[in-house]
Amino acid sequence: MLTNILFVGIGGALGAIARFGVNETFENYLSVSTPTGTLFINVIGCFFIGIFIGFSMPVKDTSYYFFIIGFLGSFTTMSAFTHQTIMIANLNLTNAVSYIMLTIVLSILATYIGAIISK
């Protein structure tokens, strides 16, 4: 149990750092908005969860706790998604609804494709 907590913590720290780095890259070097970075993060995170599911149908071993629960759990971020949705909605409700739909559809599609590829 303690080992699993350690793997979740290390994976979570690395996932949060990776999410920050990707968002910074999108904002500062690619000159696109934060929601685009978060959308990319959530879709690519779902893709990797799909890959992992396809390979192992999550066996709860150390890689599951480190990668799925820790790293990808903190890399993908519902809190940033909801915050950015509210910020977009304050400016344009149509854009906010489009962002919600795009995130949901692409994230589910990415998970499915990842699972199919890894089988």
N, C-alpha and C. Protein backbone atom coordinates (compact mmCIF):
# COMPACT_ATOMS: atom_id res chain seq x y z
N MET A 1 0.82 -1.20 0.00
CA MET A 1 0.00 0.00 0.00
C MET A 1 0.86 1.26 0.00
N LEU A 2 1.85 1.32 0.87
CA LEU A 2 2.73 2.48 0.94
C LEU A 2 3.52 2.65 -0.35
N THR A 3 3.94 1.54 -0.94
CA THR A 3 4.66 1.60 -2.22
C THR A 3 3.78 2.19 -3.30
N ASN A 4 2.52 1.79 -3.34
CA ASN A 4 1.59 2.32 -4.34
C ASN A 4 1.41 3.82 -4.17
N ILE A 5 1.30 4.28 -2.93
CA ILE A 5 1.16 5.71 -2.65
C ILE A 5 2.39 6.46 -3.14
N LEU A 6 3.56 5.90 -2.93
CA LEU A 6 4.80 6.52 -3.40
C LEU A 6 4.82 6.63 -4.92
N PHE A 7 4.41 5.56 -5.62
CA PHE A 7 4.37 5.59 -7.08
C PHE A 7 3.35 6.62 -7.59
N VAL A 8 2.20 6.71 -6.94
CA VAL A 8 1.20 7.71 -7.32
C VAL A 8 1.77 9.12 -7.12
N GLY A 9 2.44 9.34 -6.00
CA GLY A 9 3.00 10.66 -5.71
C GLY A 9 4.08 11.08 -6.69
N ILE A 10 4.99 10.18 -7.00
CA ILE A 10 6.07 10.49 -7.94
C ILE A 10 5.48 10.72 -9.34
N GLY A 11 4.60 9.82 -9.76
CA GLY A 11 3.96 9.98 -11.07
C GLY A 11 3.16 11.27 -11.14
N GLY A 12 2.43 11.59 -10.06
CA GLY A 12 1.63 12.81 -10.02
C GLY A 12 2.48 14.06 -10.13
N ALA A 13 3.60 14.07 -9.43
CA ALA A 13 4.50 15.23 -9.50
C ALA A 13 5.04 15.40 -10.92
N LEU A 14 5.45 14.32 -11.53
CA LEU A 14 5.98 14.40 -12.90
C LEU A 14 4.90 14.78 -13.90
N GLY A 15 3.68 14.29 -13.71
CA GLY A 15 2.57 14.64 -14.59
C GLY A 15 2.22 16.11 -14.50
N ALA A 16 2.24 16.65 -13.28
CA ALA A 16 1.94 18.07 -13.09
C ALA A 16 3.01 18.94 -13.74
N ILE A 17 4.26 18.54 -13.61
CA ILE A 17 5.36 19.28 -14.23
C ILE A 17 5.22 19.22 -15.75
N ALA A 18 4.88 18.04 -16.28
CA ALA A 18 4.72 17.89 -17.72
C ALA A 18 3.56 18.75 -18.23
N ARG A 19 2.44 18.77 -17.49
CA ARG A 19 1.29 19.59 -17.89
C ARG A 19 1.68 21.05 -17.93
N PHE A 20 2.38 21.52 -16.90
CA PHE A 20 2.84 22.90 -16.86
C PHE A 20 3.73 23.21 -18.06
N GLY A 21 4.65 22.31 -18.36
CA GLY A 21 5.56 22.52 -19.48
C GLY A 21 4.85 22.58 -20.81
N VAL A 22 3.88 21.71 -21.02
CA VAL A 22 3.14 21.72 -22.28
C VAL A 22 2.33 23.01 -22.40
N ASN A 23 1.65 23.40 -21.32
CA ASN A 23 0.87 24.64 -21.37
C ASN A 23 1.77 25.84 -21.64
N GLU A 24 2.91 25.90 -21.00
CA GLU A 24 3.86 27.00 -21.22
C GLU A 24 4.34 27.01 -22.66
N THR A 25 4.60 25.84 -23.22
CA THR A 25 5.04 25.74 -24.60
C THR A 25 3.96 26.28 -25.54
N PHE A 26 2.73 25.87 -25.31
CA PHE A 26 1.63 26.35 -26.16
C PHE A 26 1.48 27.86 -26.07
N GLU A 27 1.54 28.39 -24.85
CA GLU A 27 1.32 29.83 -24.66
C GLU A 27 2.50 30.67 -25.13
N ASN A 28 3.71 30.27 -24.77
CA ASN A 28 4.87 31.13 -24.98
C ASN A 28 5.62 30.89 -26.29
N TYR A 29 5.59 29.67 -26.79
CA TYR A 29 6.39 29.37 -27.97
C TYR A 29 5.55 29.12 -29.22
N LEU A 30 4.33 28.65 -29.03
CA LEU A 30 3.46 28.40 -30.18
C LEU A 30 2.43 29.51 -30.34
N SER A 31 2.42 30.43 -29.41
CA SER A 31 1.52 31.60 -29.44
C SER A 31 0.06 31.24 -29.65
N VAL A 32 -0.38 30.20 -28.95
CA VAL A 32 -1.81 29.86 -28.95
C VAL A 32 -2.33 29.93 -27.52
N SER A 33 -3.63 29.96 -27.38
CA SER A 33 -4.24 30.19 -26.08
C SER A 33 -4.14 28.98 -25.16
N THR A 34 -4.31 29.25 -23.87
CA THR A 34 -4.29 28.20 -22.86
C THR A 34 -5.29 27.08 -23.12
N PRO A 35 -6.54 27.39 -23.52
CA PRO A 35 -7.45 26.27 -23.77
C PRO A 35 -6.94 25.29 -24.82
N THR A 36 -6.19 25.77 -25.79
CA THR A 36 -5.63 24.87 -26.81
C THR A 36 -4.63 23.92 -26.17
N GLY A 37 -3.81 24.42 -25.29
CA GLY A 37 -2.85 23.56 -24.58
C GLY A 37 -3.55 22.52 -23.72
N THR A 38 -4.58 22.93 -23.00
CA THR A 38 -5.33 22.00 -22.16
C THR A 38 -6.05 20.97 -23.00
N LEU A 39 -6.61 21.39 -24.11
CA LEU A 39 -7.27 20.44 -25.01
C LEU A 39 -6.27 19.40 -25.49
N PHE A 40 -5.10 19.84 -25.93
CA PHE A 40 -4.05 18.92 -26.38
C PHE A 40 -3.67 17.96 -25.26
N ILE A 41 -3.46 18.49 -24.07
CA ILE A 41 -3.07 17.68 -22.91
C ILE A 41 -4.11 16.61 -22.63
N ASN A 42 -5.38 17.00 -22.58
CA ASN A 42 -6.43 16.03 -22.27
C ASN A 42 -6.57 14.97 -23.35
N VAL A 43 -6.46 15.37 -24.61
CA VAL A 43 -6.60 14.40 -25.71
C VAL A 43 -5.40 13.44 -25.71
N ILE A 44 -4.19 13.96 -25.60
CA ILE A 44 -3.02 13.09 -25.63
C ILE A 44 -2.96 12.20 -24.38
N GLY A 45 -3.39 12.75 -23.25
CA GLY A 45 -3.46 11.94 -22.03
C GLY A 45 -4.45 10.80 -22.17
N CYS A 46 -5.60 11.07 -22.76
CA CYS A 46 -6.59 10.01 -23.00
C CYS A 46 -6.06 8.97 -23.98
N PHE A 47 -5.34 9.43 -24.98
CA PHE A 47 -4.73 8.50 -25.93
C PHE A 47 -3.79 7.53 -25.21
N PHE A 48 -2.93 8.06 -24.33
CA PHE A 48 -1.99 7.20 -23.61
C PHE A 48 -2.70 6.28 -22.61
N ILE A 49 -3.79 6.74 -22.02
CA ILE A 49 -4.57 5.85 -21.16
C ILE A 49 -5.15 4.72 -22.00
N GLY A 50 -5.63 5.05 -23.19
CA GLY A 50 -6.14 4.01 -24.09
C GLY A 50 -5.07 3.00 -24.47
N ILE A 51 -3.87 3.49 -24.76
CA ILE A 51 -2.74 2.59 -25.08
C ILE A 51 -2.49 1.65 -23.90
N PHE A 52 -2.43 2.19 -22.71
CA PHE A 52 -2.16 1.39 -21.52
C PHE A 52 -3.28 0.36 -21.31
N ILE A 53 -4.52 0.78 -21.49
CA ILE A 53 -5.65 -0.13 -21.32
C ILE A 53 -5.57 -1.26 -22.34
N GLY A 54 -5.22 -0.93 -23.57
CA GLY A 54 -5.12 -1.95 -24.61
C GLY A 54 -4.05 -2.99 -24.31
N PHE A 55 -2.94 -2.55 -23.71
CA PHE A 55 -1.86 -3.48 -23.41
C PHE A 55 -2.15 -4.34 -22.19
N SER A 56 -2.79 -3.76 -21.18
CA SER A 56 -2.86 -4.51 -19.93
C SER A 56 -4.25 -4.59 -19.30
N MET A 57 -5.25 -3.93 -19.89
CA MET A 57 -6.56 -3.83 -19.25
C MET A 57 -6.33 -3.64 -17.74
N PRO A 58 -5.89 -2.47 -17.38
CA PRO A 58 -5.16 -2.15 -16.17
C PRO A 58 -5.05 -3.19 -15.08
N VAL A 59 -3.94 -3.87 -15.14
CA VAL A 59 -3.52 -4.69 -14.03
C VAL A 59 -2.96 -3.70 -13.02
N LYS A 60 -3.40 -3.79 -11.79
CA LYS A 60 -2.99 -2.79 -10.81
C LYS A 60 -1.61 -3.13 -10.25
N ASP A 61 -0.59 -2.92 -11.09
CA ASP A 61 0.79 -3.10 -10.67
C ASP A 61 1.42 -1.72 -10.49
N THR A 62 2.72 -1.67 -10.28
CA THR A 62 3.38 -0.37 -10.03
C THR A 62 3.26 0.57 -11.22
N SER A 63 3.29 0.04 -12.44
CA SER A 63 3.16 0.93 -13.61
C SER A 63 1.77 1.55 -13.66
N TYR A 64 0.75 0.83 -13.24
CA TYR A 64 -0.62 1.36 -13.19
C TYR A 64 -0.68 2.54 -12.21
N TYR A 65 -0.15 2.35 -11.02
CA TYR A 65 -0.20 3.41 -10.01
C TYR A 65 0.65 4.61 -10.41
N PHE A 66 1.80 4.35 -11.00
CA PHE A 66 2.68 5.44 -11.41
C PHE A 66 2.12 6.18 -12.62
N PHE A 67 1.78 5.44 -13.67
CA PHE A 67 1.45 6.06 -14.95
C PHE A 67 -0.01 6.50 -15.05
N ILE A 68 -0.96 5.59 -14.77
CA ILE A 68 -2.38 5.92 -14.94
C ILE A 68 -2.86 6.83 -13.82
N ILE A 69 -2.71 6.39 -12.59
CA ILE A 69 -3.23 7.17 -11.46
C ILE A 69 -2.38 8.41 -11.21
N GLY A 70 -1.06 8.25 -11.17
CA GLY A 70 -0.18 9.36 -10.85
C GLY A 70 0.05 10.31 -12.01
N PHE A 71 0.84 9.86 -12.99
CA PHE A 71 1.26 10.75 -14.08
C PHE A 71 0.07 11.27 -14.89
N LEU A 72 -0.70 10.37 -15.49
CA LEU A 72 -1.79 10.82 -16.36
C LEU A 72 -2.94 11.45 -15.56
N GLY A 73 -3.09 11.03 -14.31
CA GLY A 73 -4.11 11.64 -13.46
C GLY A 73 -3.84 13.11 -13.19
N SER A 74 -2.57 13.47 -13.07
CA SER A 74 -2.25 14.89 -12.86
C SER A 74 -1.92 15.61 -14.16
N PHE A 75 -1.55 14.87 -15.18
CA PHE A 75 -1.26 15.49 -16.48
C PHE A 75 -2.55 15.99 -17.12
N THR A 76 -3.55 15.12 -17.21
CA THR A 76 -4.84 15.57 -17.71
C THR A 76 -5.53 16.31 -16.58
N THR A 77 -6.35 17.27 -16.89
CA THR A 77 -6.84 18.12 -15.81
C THR A 77 -8.25 18.62 -16.04
N MET A 78 -9.16 18.11 -15.29
CA MET A 78 -10.54 18.57 -15.38
C MET A 78 -10.69 19.97 -14.77
N SER A 79 -9.93 20.27 -13.74
CA SER A 79 -10.06 21.59 -13.11
C SER A 79 -9.66 22.71 -14.07
N ALA A 80 -8.61 22.53 -14.82
CA ALA A 80 -8.21 23.54 -15.80
C ALA A 80 -9.25 23.64 -16.91
N PHE A 81 -9.77 22.50 -17.32
CA PHE A 81 -10.80 22.48 -18.36
C PHE A 81 -12.03 23.27 -17.93
N THR A 82 -12.51 23.02 -16.72
CA THR A 82 -13.72 23.71 -16.27
C THR A 82 -13.47 25.20 -16.06
N HIS A 83 -12.31 25.54 -15.52
CA HIS A 83 -11.97 26.95 -15.31
C HIS A 83 -11.92 27.68 -16.65
N GLN A 84 -11.24 27.10 -17.61
CA GLN A 84 -11.11 27.74 -18.92
C GLN A 84 -12.45 27.81 -19.64
N THR A 85 -13.30 26.82 -19.43
CA THR A 85 -14.63 26.86 -20.03
C THR A 85 -15.42 28.04 -19.50
N ILE A 86 -15.35 28.29 -18.21
CA ILE A 86 -16.05 29.43 -17.61
C ILE A 86 -15.48 30.75 -18.15
N MET A 87 -14.16 30.81 -18.27
CA MET A 87 -13.54 32.03 -18.79
C MET A 87 -13.97 32.28 -20.25
N ILE A 88 -14.04 31.23 -21.04
CA ILE A 88 -14.48 31.37 -22.43
C ILE A 88 -15.96 31.74 -22.47
N ALA A 89 -16.76 31.10 -21.62
CA ALA A 89 -18.21 31.36 -21.61
C ALA A 89 -18.51 32.81 -21.26
N ASN A 90 -17.67 33.42 -20.42
CA ASN A 90 -17.87 34.82 -20.07
C ASN A 90 -17.69 35.74 -21.28
N LEU A 91 -16.95 35.26 -22.27
CA LEU A 91 -16.72 36.05 -23.48
C LEU A 91 -17.66 35.65 -24.62
N ASN A 92 -17.89 34.33 -24.75
CA ASN A 92 -18.67 33.86 -25.88
C ASN A 92 -19.19 32.45 -25.57
N LEU A 93 -20.48 32.34 -25.33
CA LEU A 93 -21.08 31.06 -24.94
C LEU A 93 -20.95 30.00 -26.03
N THR A 94 -21.06 30.41 -27.28
CA THR A 94 -20.93 29.46 -28.39
C THR A 94 -19.54 28.84 -28.41
N ASN A 95 -18.51 29.66 -28.21
CA ASN A 95 -17.15 29.14 -28.16
C ASN A 95 -16.95 28.19 -26.98
N ALA A 96 -17.58 28.48 -25.85
CA ALA A 96 -17.46 27.62 -24.68
C ALA A 96 -18.10 26.26 -24.94
N VAL A 97 -19.28 26.26 -25.55
CA VAL A 97 -19.96 25.00 -25.87
C VAL A 97 -19.14 24.21 -26.89
N SER A 98 -18.58 24.89 -27.87
CA SER A 98 -17.72 24.22 -28.86
C SER A 98 -16.51 23.60 -28.19
N TYR A 99 -15.90 24.31 -27.26
CA TYR A 99 -14.73 23.80 -26.54
C TYR A 99 -15.10 22.55 -25.72
N ILE A 100 -16.25 22.59 -25.06
CA ILE A 100 -16.70 21.43 -24.28
C ILE A 100 -16.89 20.22 -25.19
N MET A 101 -17.60 20.40 -26.27
CA MET A 101 -17.88 19.29 -27.19
C MET A 101 -16.60 18.74 -27.82
N LEU A 102 -15.74 19.64 -28.26
CA LEU A 102 -14.48 19.22 -28.87
C LEU A 102 -13.63 18.43 -27.87
N THR A 103 -13.54 18.89 -26.65
CA THR A 103 -12.76 18.19 -25.63
C THR A 103 -13.33 16.80 -25.37
N ILE A 104 -14.62 16.69 -25.19
CA ILE A 104 -15.24 15.40 -24.90
C ILE A 104 -15.07 14.43 -26.07
N VAL A 105 -15.42 14.87 -27.26
CA VAL A 105 -15.36 13.99 -28.43
C VAL A 105 -13.92 13.55 -28.71
N LEU A 106 -12.99 14.51 -28.74
CA LEU A 106 -11.60 14.15 -29.06
C LEU A 106 -10.96 13.29 -27.96
N SER A 107 -11.30 13.55 -26.71
CA SER A 107 -10.74 12.75 -25.61
C SER A 107 -11.23 11.31 -25.66
N ILE A 108 -12.51 11.11 -25.90
CA ILE A 108 -13.04 9.75 -26.02
C ILE A 108 -12.46 9.06 -27.25
N LEU A 109 -12.40 9.76 -28.36
CA LEU A 109 -11.83 9.20 -29.59
C LEU A 109 -10.35 8.83 -29.39
N ALA A 110 -9.60 9.68 -28.72
CA ALA A 110 -8.18 9.40 -28.48
C ALA A 110 -8.00 8.17 -27.59
N THR A 111 -8.84 8.02 -26.56
CA THR A 111 -8.77 6.84 -25.70
C THR A 111 -9.07 5.58 -26.51
N TYR A 112 -10.10 5.64 -27.32
CA TYR A 112 -10.49 4.50 -28.16
C TYR A 112 -9.38 4.13 -29.14
N ILE A 113 -8.83 5.11 -29.82
CA ILE A 113 -7.75 4.85 -30.79
C ILE A 113 -6.54 4.28 -30.09
N GLY A 114 -6.19 4.82 -28.93
CA GLY A 114 -5.06 4.30 -28.18
C GLY A 114 -5.27 2.84 -27.80
N ALA A 115 -6.47 2.50 -27.36
CA ALA A 115 -6.76 1.11 -26.98
C ALA A 115 -6.71 0.19 -28.18
N ILE A 116 -7.23 0.63 -29.31
CA ILE A 116 -7.22 -0.19 -30.53
C ILE A 116 -5.78 -0.40 -31.02
N ILE A 117 -4.98 0.64 -31.03
CA ILE A 117 -3.60 0.54 -31.51
C ILE A 117 -2.79 -0.45 -30.68
N SER A 118 -3.03 -0.44 -29.38
CA SER A 118 -2.19 -1.26 -28.51
C SER A 118 -2.65 -2.70 -28.36
N LYS A 119 -3.76 -3.07 -28.99
CA LYS A 119 -4.22 -4.47 -28.91
C LYS A 119 -3.55 -5.33 -29.94
